Amino acid sequence: MNDLVDKINKRDLRKRRIRARVVGTPERPRLTVFVSHRNVSAQIIDDTKHATLVYITTVGAKGTGENLTAKAEWVGGEVAKKAKSVKISKVVFDRNGKLFHGRVKALADSARQAGLEF
């Protein structure tokens, strides 16, 4: 059980370090990512207004893919489409304490291909 507690504590430390530097503004809102064991979600947040501008999740979505990497790619593309409809083209990426590989990287690459800049 100690290894699990250490893993959670290390993720929280990474999350605090990232959030100390990454701030969403009206010109460049923050794209934050959350990956659970079954679902992937992403939201674009304006930290000055404390408002969520765009939100996408795989909870209840049909045809998103079999594995979490496919779901992450779908979420990346959909969040970029919704961001374009709200006239957002540039964001700052908040990986939420996760390492930038695997599912988080798949989401980021998919969002970049769909037109988001970060």
Protein backbone atom coordinates (compact mmCIF):
# COMPACT_ATOMS: atom_id res chain seq x y z
CA MET A 1 0.00 0.00 0.00
CA ASN A 2 2.94 2.30 0.59
CA ASP A 3 3.89 2.24 -3.11
CA LEU A 4 0.41 3.40 -4.10
CA VAL A 5 0.51 6.27 -1.60
CA ASP A 6 3.95 7.31 -2.90
CA LYS A 7 2.67 7.21 -6.50
CA ILE A 8 -0.31 9.42 -5.64
CA ASN A 9 1.88 11.86 -3.68
CA LYS A 10 4.35 12.17 -6.56
CA ARG A 11 1.51 12.87 -9.00
CA ASP A 12 0.15 15.56 -6.68
CA LEU A 13 3.57 17.21 -6.48
CA ARG A 14 3.87 17.22 -10.29
CA LYS A 15 0.35 18.64 -10.52
CA ARG A 16 1.16 21.51 -8.14
CA ARG A 17 4.39 22.32 -10.01
CA ILE A 18 2.55 22.47 -13.31
CA ARG A 19 -0.37 24.56 -11.98
CA ALA A 20 2.05 27.07 -10.46
CA ARG A 21 3.19 27.96 -13.99
CA VAL A 22 0.27 27.16 -16.27
CA VAL A 23 -2.55 29.71 -16.15
CA GLY A 24 -5.39 30.09 -18.60
CA THR A 25 -6.08 33.60 -19.87
CA PRO A 26 -8.83 34.85 -22.19
CA GLU A 27 -6.31 34.90 -25.07
CA ARG A 28 -4.87 31.44 -24.25
CA PRO A 29 -7.18 29.37 -22.05
CA ARG A 30 -5.95 26.21 -20.32
CA LEU A 31 -6.63 22.78 -21.84
CA THR A 32 -6.66 20.30 -18.96
CA VAL A 33 -6.81 16.53 -19.32
CA PHE A 34 -8.15 13.85 -16.98
CA VAL A 35 -7.67 10.14 -17.64
CA SER A 36 -9.40 7.61 -15.38
CA HIS A 37 -9.38 3.84 -15.66
CA ARG A 38 -12.38 3.84 -18.04
CA ASN A 39 -12.86 7.34 -19.43
CA VAL A 40 -11.02 10.38 -20.73
CA SER A 41 -12.16 13.96 -20.38
CA ALA A 42 -10.76 17.34 -21.39
CA GLN A 43 -11.87 20.87 -20.73
CA ILE A 44 -10.77 24.33 -21.76
CA ILE A 45 -10.79 26.75 -18.83
CA ASP A 46 -10.41 30.51 -18.51
CA ASP A 47 -8.79 30.91 -15.08
CA THR A 48 -9.36 34.66 -14.90
CA LYS A 49 -13.15 34.19 -15.04
CA HIS A 50 -13.11 30.74 -13.37
CA ALA A 51 -15.22 29.45 -16.25
CA THR A 52 -15.20 26.29 -18.32
CA LEU A 53 -15.47 27.19 -22.00
CA VAL A 54 -15.44 23.72 -23.59
CA TYR A 55 -15.92 20.27 -22.04
CA ILE A 56 -15.71 16.82 -23.67
CA THR A 57 -15.86 13.39 -22.04
CA THR A 58 -16.22 9.78 -23.12
CA VAL A 59 -18.76 9.01 -20.38
CA GLY A 60 -21.86 7.84 -22.21
CA ALA A 61 -20.39 8.50 -25.66
CA LYS A 62 -20.90 5.83 -28.32
CA GLY A 63 -18.30 4.83 -30.90
CA THR A 64 -15.30 6.41 -29.19
CA GLY A 65 -13.04 3.36 -29.46
CA GLU A 66 -12.19 0.14 -27.71
CA ASN A 67 -9.19 1.18 -25.67
CA LEU A 68 -8.29 4.33 -23.73
CA THR A 69 -5.76 5.52 -26.31
CA ALA A 70 -8.46 5.52 -29.00
CA LYS A 71 -10.81 7.32 -26.60
CA ALA A 72 -8.10 9.92 -25.89
CA GLU A 73 -7.60 10.53 -29.62
CA TRP A 74 -11.36 10.99 -30.05
CA VAL A 75 -11.53 13.46 -27.14
CA GLY A 76 -8.60 15.45 -28.58
CA GLY A 77 -10.29 15.82 -31.93
CA GLU A 78 -13.68 16.71 -30.43
CA VAL A 79 -12.28 19.29 -28.01
CA ALA A 80 -10.47 20.97 -30.91
CA LYS A 81 -13.69 21.07 -32.98
CA LYS A 82 -15.67 22.58 -30.12
CA ALA A 83 -12.87 25.07 -29.42
CA LYS A 84 -12.98 26.23 -33.04
CA SER A 85 -16.74 26.75 -32.76
CA VAL A 86 -16.14 29.00 -29.73
CA LYS A 87 -13.32 30.76 -31.66
CA ILE A 88 -10.43 29.42 -29.57
CA SER A 89 -7.30 28.56 -31.54
CA LYS A 90 -4.48 28.81 -28.98
CA VAL A 91 -4.38 27.10 -25.60
CA VAL A 92 -1.87 26.17 -22.91
CA PHE A 93 -1.69 22.44 -22.16
CA ASP A 94 -2.16 21.21 -18.58
CA ARG A 95 -1.37 17.50 -18.36
CA ASN A 96 -2.74 17.41 -14.79
CA GLY A 97 0.26 15.68 -13.22
CA LYS A 98 0.35 12.86 -15.75
CA LEU A 99 3.48 12.15 -17.74
CA PHE A 100 3.42 13.28 -21.38
CA HIS A 101 3.26 9.92 -23.11
CA GLY A 102 0.68 7.35 -24.04
CA ARG A 103 -2.89 8.54 -23.65
CA VAL A 104 -2.05 12.14 -22.79
CA LYS A 105 0.24 12.40 -25.81
CA ALA A 106 -2.40 10.80 -28.06
CA LEU A 107 -4.95 13.41 -26.93
CA ALA A 108 -2.49 16.27 -27.46
CA ASP A 109 -1.45 15.06 -30.92
CA SER A 110 -5.06 14.63 -31.99
CA ALA A 111 -5.95 18.13 -30.79
CA ARG A 112 -2.95 19.57 -32.67
CA GLN A 113 -3.94 17.79 -35.88
CA ALA A 114 -7.46 19.16 -35.56
CA GLY A 115 -6.12 22.71 -35.39
CA LEU A 116 -5.39 23.70 -31.78
CA GLU A 117 -2.05 25.41 -31.16
CA PHE A 118 -0.07 24.80 -27.96
